Amino acid sequence: MTESRELIIIGAGPAGITAAVYAARKKMDFMVLTDDIGGQAAWSGSIENYTGYQLISGPDLVAKFEEHLGKYRFDLQEGVRAEKVLKDNDDLLVKATDGKEYRARTVIIASGKNPKALGVPGESEFKNRGVTYCATCDGPLFAGKEVAVIGGGNSALDAALQLIKIASRVHVINLADELTGDPVMKEKLSVSANCEIINSAKVVGISGGKFVEMIAIETGGKRRKIPAQGVFIEIGVTPNSSMIDIVKKNEQGEILIDCASRTSVAGIFAAGDVTNVPEKQIIVAAGEGAKAALSAFRYLASHK
């Protein structure tokens, strides 16, 4: 018979790790299922906006998270991804990639999201060496440098608006015929002296030495090279929510939660980038993880 826990936490990025710390402090009987430790936080180069650290690298911050987590004893199943979360009478059933089924009274989904990749030569090679997916996180690292923002929607325009205050020049490379973001944002960019908007353009390569130096684009049937020390890819993200169909989601696939991290199904909570909470930031995800664990604890206390 499948062993039952009070709580299963899916994911061990900032949200999942923080949820685990709070669950451990509440002496809950829980386990964590995760592909890896750290999630997208481990991909970040330098982090300058996490309270308590003026400057810390993504891997170093994750190491701090792990060190904190190591103070507690609980069941950690690393390298195991949740494939399906189902309701089974009063319990919840999690089917995982290790072929096992895990049962619990509550579940916290903190599986994060993945940025959509361009899929061009040089993208993966220069990740964290000029290629980034977060202007808020990494924008200040490119002060006084020439950068490119890839995309034409609100996320790309928001990144460009942040960067025009930091970078020497910003090239917005948009695949569509025109920008699709909010008119107010488009207007602000159009009057910026250090912003170039290139529509109907496709990125075909990213190149450089130790760090990014150039991107190649195709526009109007011609190839053009643009100097860029930073490449901000803002073509959307995919929430890692495919393992659950029984909760309500928005059009983007983000799990809908209330202010207590509760989903539409009793006993199922969600936290971090997989949810509809705005501002996908490490510190926001960590706070949401704390809320989710405390909500799960209160739920269990009232459903004995």
Protein backbone atom coordinates (compact mmCIF):
# COMPACT_ATOMS: atom_id res chain seq x y z
CA MET A 1 0.00 0.00 0.00
CA THR A 2 1.32 3.46 -0.89
CA GLU A 3 2.66 5.32 2.13
CA SER A 4 0.72 8.48 2.89
CA ARG A 5 2.27 11.80 3.93
CA GLU A 6 0.75 14.95 5.30
CA LEU A 7 2.30 16.97 2.50
CA ILE A 8 4.11 16.55 -0.80
CA ILE A 9 6.01 19.52 -2.21
CA ILE A 10 6.58 19.40 -5.97
CA GLY A 11 9.66 21.38 -6.98
CA ALA A 12 12.72 22.71 -5.15
CA GLY A 13 13.31 26.17 -6.52
CA PRO A 14 13.04 29.17 -4.17
CA ALA A 15 9.31 28.53 -3.59
CA GLY A 16 9.65 24.80 -2.96
CA ILE A 17 12.73 25.14 -0.78
CA THR A 18 11.12 27.81 1.38
CA ALA A 19 7.95 25.74 1.67
CA ALA A 20 10.09 22.81 2.82
CA VAL A 21 11.84 24.93 5.47
CA TYR A 22 8.50 26.09 6.86
CA ALA A 23 7.02 22.59 6.72
CA ALA A 24 10.05 21.23 8.59
CA ARG A 25 9.77 23.92 11.26
CA LYS A 26 6.11 22.99 11.71
CA LYS A 27 7.16 19.35 12.18
CA MET A 28 5.03 18.22 9.26
CA ASP A 29 5.43 14.77 7.76
CA PHE A 30 6.36 15.72 4.21
CA MET A 31 8.48 14.91 1.19
CA VAL A 32 9.87 16.85 -1.76
CA LEU A 33 9.83 15.61 -5.37
CA THR A 34 12.06 17.58 -7.72
CA ASP A 35 14.12 17.38 -10.89
CA ASP A 36 16.87 19.43 -9.29
CA ILE A 37 17.66 21.82 -6.46
CA GLY A 38 17.45 25.54 -7.14
CA GLY A 39 15.32 25.70 -10.27
CA GLN A 40 15.85 28.79 -12.41
CA ALA A 41 17.61 30.58 -9.56
CA ALA A 42 20.61 28.36 -10.26
CA TRP A 43 20.78 29.77 -13.81
CA SER A 44 21.15 33.38 -12.73
CA GLY A 45 24.55 35.00 -13.06
CA SER A 46 24.73 37.78 -10.49
CA ILE A 47 21.80 38.56 -8.21
CA GLU A 48 21.69 42.04 -6.70
CA ASN A 49 18.09 42.26 -5.51
CA TYR A 50 17.73 39.46 -2.96
CA THR A 51 17.45 40.96 0.51
CA GLY A 52 20.53 40.40 2.62
CA TYR A 53 22.92 40.05 -0.30
CA GLN A 54 24.22 43.07 -2.18
CA LEU A 55 25.70 40.69 -4.74
CA ILE A 56 25.53 36.91 -4.97
CA SER A 57 25.58 34.47 -7.87
CA GLY A 58 22.65 32.19 -8.60
CA PRO A 59 24.59 29.01 -7.74
CA ASP A 60 25.89 30.56 -4.51
CA LEU A 61 22.39 31.59 -3.43
CA VAL A 62 21.10 28.10 -4.17
CA ALA A 63 23.98 26.68 -2.11
CA LYS A 64 22.79 28.87 0.78
CA PHE A 65 19.26 27.53 0.29
CA GLU A 66 20.57 23.96 0.34
CA GLU A 67 22.64 24.63 3.44
CA HIS A 68 19.54 25.94 5.23
CA LEU A 69 17.47 23.01 4.01
CA GLY A 70 20.15 20.61 5.23
CA LYS A 71 19.42 21.58 8.83
CA TYR A 72 16.22 19.54 8.65
CA ARG A 73 15.51 15.87 8.11
CA PHE A 74 12.87 14.96 5.55
CA ASP A 75 12.41 12.77 2.48
CA LEU A 76 13.97 14.43 -0.58
CA GLN A 77 13.52 12.65 -3.89
CA GLU A 78 15.88 14.49 -6.23
CA GLY A 79 15.79 13.63 -9.92
CA VAL A 80 12.12 12.66 -9.63
CA ARG A 81 9.52 14.70 -11.49
CA ALA A 82 5.80 14.65 -10.79
CA GLU A 83 3.92 13.48 -13.88
CA LYS A 84 0.34 13.56 -12.62
CA VAL A 85 -1.51 14.89 -9.57
CA LEU A 86 -4.91 13.27 -9.03
CA LYS A 87 -7.67 13.37 -6.46
CA ASP A 88 -8.27 9.98 -4.80
CA ASN A 89 -11.18 10.20 -2.38
CA ASP A 90 -9.96 12.39 0.50
CA ASP A 91 -6.30 12.02 -0.48
CA LEU A 92 -4.14 13.27 -3.31
CA LEU A 93 -2.10 10.96 -5.49
CA VAL A 94 1.12 11.99 -7.21
CA LYS A 95 2.41 9.77 -10.01
CA ALA A 96 6.13 10.33 -10.60
CA THR A 97 8.80 9.58 -13.19
CA ASP A 98 10.40 6.97 -10.94
CA GLY A 99 7.35 4.79 -11.56
CA LYS A 100 6.04 5.21 -8.03
CA GLU A 101 2.83 6.71 -6.71
CA TYR A 102 2.97 9.01 -3.70
CA ARG A 103 -0.05 9.74 -1.54
CA ALA A 104 -0.64 12.80 0.62
CA ARG A 105 -3.36 14.81 2.31
CA THR A 106 -2.03 18.06 0.86
CA VAL A 107 0.18 19.04 -2.07
CA ILE A 108 2.12 22.22 -2.83
CA ILE A 109 2.94 22.69 -6.50
CA ALA A 110 6.09 24.81 -6.79
CA SER A 111 7.32 23.52 -10.13
CA GLY A 112 8.17 26.92 -11.60
CA LYS A 113 8.30 27.81 -15.26
CA ASN A 114 10.66 27.56 -18.20
CA PRO A 115 11.44 30.47 -20.51
CA LYS A 116 10.77 29.76 -24.15
CA ALA A 117 14.04 29.40 -26.00
CA LEU A 118 14.88 30.84 -29.41
CA GLY A 119 16.56 27.62 -30.44
CA VAL A 120 19.33 29.36 -32.39
CA PRO A 121 23.06 28.60 -32.49
CA GLY A 122 24.89 30.18 -29.57
CA GLU A 123 21.89 30.52 -27.26
CA SER A 124 22.68 27.67 -24.88
CA GLU A 125 26.46 28.20 -25.16
CA PHE A 126 26.18 31.82 -23.97
CA LYS A 127 23.54 31.34 -21.27
CA ASN A 128 24.73 33.35 -18.22
CA ARG A 129 27.52 34.74 -20.41
CA GLY A 130 25.39 37.45 -21.96
CA VAL A 131 22.23 35.51 -22.78
CA THR A 132 19.58 36.00 -20.12
CA TYR A 133 15.83 35.63 -19.68
CA CYS A 134 15.25 38.23 -16.94
CA ALA A 135 15.87 41.95 -17.35
CA THR A 136 14.85 42.68 -13.77
CA CYS A 137 17.39 40.19 -12.46
CA ASP A 138 20.30 40.85 -14.80
CA GLY A 139 19.71 44.25 -16.40
CA PRO A 140 22.00 46.22 -14.04
CA LEU A 141 24.93 44.00 -15.08
CA PHE A 142 24.83 45.61 -18.53
CA ALA A 143 25.12 49.25 -17.52
CA GLY A 144 26.64 51.28 -20.34
CA LYS A 145 26.65 48.32 -22.74
CA GLU A 146 24.84 47.63 -25.99
CA VAL A 147 22.09 45.03 -25.66
CA ALA A 148 19.34 43.34 -27.65
CA VAL A 149 15.85 42.42 -26.49
CA ILE A 150 14.18 39.62 -28.44
CA GLY A 151 10.39 39.79 -28.59
CA GLY A 152 7.55 42.21 -29.21
CA GLY A 153 5.01 41.62 -26.47
CA ASN A 154 4.60 43.24 -23.07
CA SER A 155 7.39 41.25 -21.43
CA ALA A 156 9.84 42.34 -24.13
CA LEU A 157 8.72 45.96 -23.99
CA ASP A 158 8.95 46.00 -20.21
CA ALA A 159 12.50 44.64 -20.46
CA ALA A 160 13.41 47.28 -23.06
CA LEU A 161 11.97 50.08 -20.91
CA GLN A 162 14.10 48.93 -18.00
CA LEU A 163 17.19 48.65 -20.17
CA ILE A 164 17.00 52.05 -21.90
CA LYS A 165 17.76 53.56 -18.49
CA ILE A 166 20.79 51.31 -18.03
CA ALA A 167 22.32 50.33 -21.37
CA SER A 168 24.04 52.59 -23.90
CA ARG A 169 21.80 51.28 -26.68
CA VAL A 170 18.89 48.84 -26.87
CA HIS A 171 17.91 46.93 -30.02
CA VAL A 172 14.40 45.42 -29.90
CA ILE A 173 14.22 42.53 -32.35
CA ASN A 174 10.63 41.63 -33.16
CA LEU A 175 9.57 38.75 -35.40
CA ALA A 176 6.12 40.23 -36.14
CA ASP A 177 5.34 43.19 -38.39
CA GLU A 178 4.74 45.42 -35.40
CA LEU A 179 5.04 45.40 -31.63
CA THR A 180 2.09 43.77 -29.87
CA GLY A 181 2.57 45.24 -26.39
CA ASP A 182 0.56 48.00 -24.71
CA PRO A 183 0.35 51.29 -26.66
CA VAL A 184 1.73 53.29 -23.73
CA MET A 185 4.82 51.10 -23.60
CA LYS A 186 5.31 51.31 -27.38
CA GLU A 187 5.04 55.09 -27.25
CA LYS A 188 7.69 55.36 -24.55
CA LEU A 189 10.10 53.24 -26.56
CA SER A 190 9.43 55.08 -29.81
CA VAL A 191 10.61 58.38 -28.34
CA SER A 192 13.69 56.92 -26.65
CA ALA A 193 16.91 58.19 -28.20
CA ASN A 194 18.86 55.01 -27.45
CA CYS A 195 16.34 52.41 -28.64
CA GLU A 196 16.13 50.86 -32.09
CA ILE A 197 13.06 48.78 -32.96
CA ILE A 198 13.52 46.25 -35.76
CA ASN A 199 10.28 44.56 -36.85
CA SER A 200 9.89 41.57 -39.16
CA ALA A 201 13.28 40.31 -38.03
CA LYS A 202 14.42 36.85 -37.08
CA VAL A 203 17.42 36.06 -34.88
CA VAL A 204 19.53 33.39 -36.55
CA GLY A 205 22.59 33.25 -34.30
CA ILE A 206 24.40 34.51 -31.22
CA SER A 207 28.18 34.70 -31.18
CA GLY A 208 31.16 35.96 -29.22
CA GLY A 209 34.28 34.91 -27.36
CA LYS A 210 34.13 34.37 -23.62
CA PHE A 211 30.92 36.44 -23.57
CA VAL A 212 28.31 37.48 -26.13
CA GLU A 213 29.53 40.04 -28.66
CA MET A 214 27.12 39.87 -31.58
CA ILE A 215 23.75 38.65 -32.78
CA ALA A 216 22.84 37.86 -36.39
CA ILE A 217 19.37 38.62 -37.70
CA GLU A 218 17.53 38.21 -40.98
CA THR A 219 15.22 40.98 -42.13
CA GLY A 220 13.90 41.85 -45.57
CA GLY A 221 15.70 38.86 -47.03
CA LYS A 222 19.07 40.16 -45.85
CA ARG A 223 21.33 39.16 -42.98
CA ARG A 224 22.57 41.77 -40.55
CA LYS A 225 24.90 41.64 -37.57
CA ILE A 226 24.23 43.74 -34.48
CA PRO A 227 26.76 44.35 -31.70
CA ALA A 228 25.38 43.23 -28.34
CA GLN A 229 27.01 42.35 -25.05
CA GLY A 230 23.69 41.28 -23.63
CA VAL A 231 20.80 39.37 -25.21
CA PHE A 232 17.51 39.40 -23.32
CA ILE A 233 15.16 36.72 -24.63
CA GLU A 234 11.57 37.71 -23.88
CA ILE A 235 9.38 35.54 -26.07
CA GLY A 236 7.29 34.06 -23.28
CA VAL A 237 7.42 31.40 -20.61
CA THR A 238 5.77 28.05 -20.08
CA PRO A 239 4.52 27.23 -16.55
CA ASN A 240 5.38 23.69 -15.48
CA SER A 241 1.76 22.90 -14.69
CA SER A 242 1.03 20.10 -17.12
CA MET A 243 1.07 17.52 -14.34
CA ILE A 244 -2.25 18.74 -12.96
CA ASP A 245 -5.57 19.17 -14.75
CA ILE A 246 -7.96 19.32 -11.79
CA VAL A 247 -7.21 22.89 -10.72
CA LYS A 248 -8.18 26.10 -12.49
CA LYS A 249 -5.56 27.80 -14.65
CA ASN A 250 -5.43 30.96 -16.72
CA GLU A 251 -4.90 31.15 -20.49
CA GLN A 252 -1.13 31.00 -19.99
CA GLY A 253 -1.40 27.74 -18.03
CA GLU A 254 -0.54 29.39 -14.71
CA ILE A 255 -2.28 27.87 -11.69
CA LEU A 256 -4.80 30.29 -10.22
CA ILE A 257 -4.39 30.88 -6.48
CA ASP A 258 -5.83 33.20 -3.86
CA CYS A 259 -3.90 35.30 -1.34
CA ALA A 260 -3.38 32.21 0.84
CA SER A 261 -1.87 30.16 -2.01
CA ARG A 262 -5.00 28.00 -2.24
CA THR A 263 -6.01 26.58 -5.61
CA SER A 264 -9.55 25.74 -6.73
CA VAL A 265 -9.21 22.25 -5.19
CA ALA A 266 -9.17 21.85 -1.41
CA GLY A 267 -5.83 20.55 -0.14
CA ILE A 268 -3.89 21.62 -3.22
CA PHE A 269 -1.74 24.73 -2.92
CA ALA A 270 0.66 26.36 -5.36
CA ALA A 271 3.52 28.83 -5.08
CA GLY A 272 6.03 30.71 -7.18
CA ASP A 273 6.39 31.08 -10.92
CA VAL A 274 3.93 28.29 -11.77
CA THR A 275 1.10 30.48 -10.42
CA ASN A 276 -0.63 33.63 -11.63
CA VAL A 277 1.14 35.77 -9.01
CA PRO A 278 2.80 38.72 -10.83
CA GLU A 279 6.50 39.55 -10.75
CA LYS A 280 8.45 36.34 -11.29
CA GLN A 281 11.26 37.06 -8.86
CA ILE A 282 13.27 34.83 -6.53
CA ILE A 283 12.25 36.77 -3.43
CA VAL A 284 8.57 36.74 -4.44
CA ALA A 285 8.65 32.99 -5.03
CA ALA A 286 10.28 32.40 -1.65
CA GLY A 287 7.59 34.39 0.12
CA GLU A 288 4.85 32.54 -1.74
CA GLY A 289 6.42 29.23 -0.71
CA ALA A 290 6.26 30.25 2.94
CA LYS A 291 2.59 31.19 2.57
CA ALA A 292 1.75 27.90 0.88
CA ALA A 293 3.36 25.82 3.64
CA LEU A 294 1.60 27.77 6.38
CA SER A 295 -1.72 27.41 4.54
CA ALA A 296 -1.19 23.67 4.15
CA PHE A 297 -0.42 23.42 7.88
CA ARG A 298 -3.62 25.28 8.79
CA TYR A 299 -5.62 23.15 6.36
CA LEU A 300 -4.38 19.95 8.00
CA ALA A 301 -5.10 21.33 11.47
CA SER A 302 -8.71 22.00 10.53
CA HIS A 303 -9.24 18.71 8.65
CA LYS A 304 -8.17 16.07 11.14
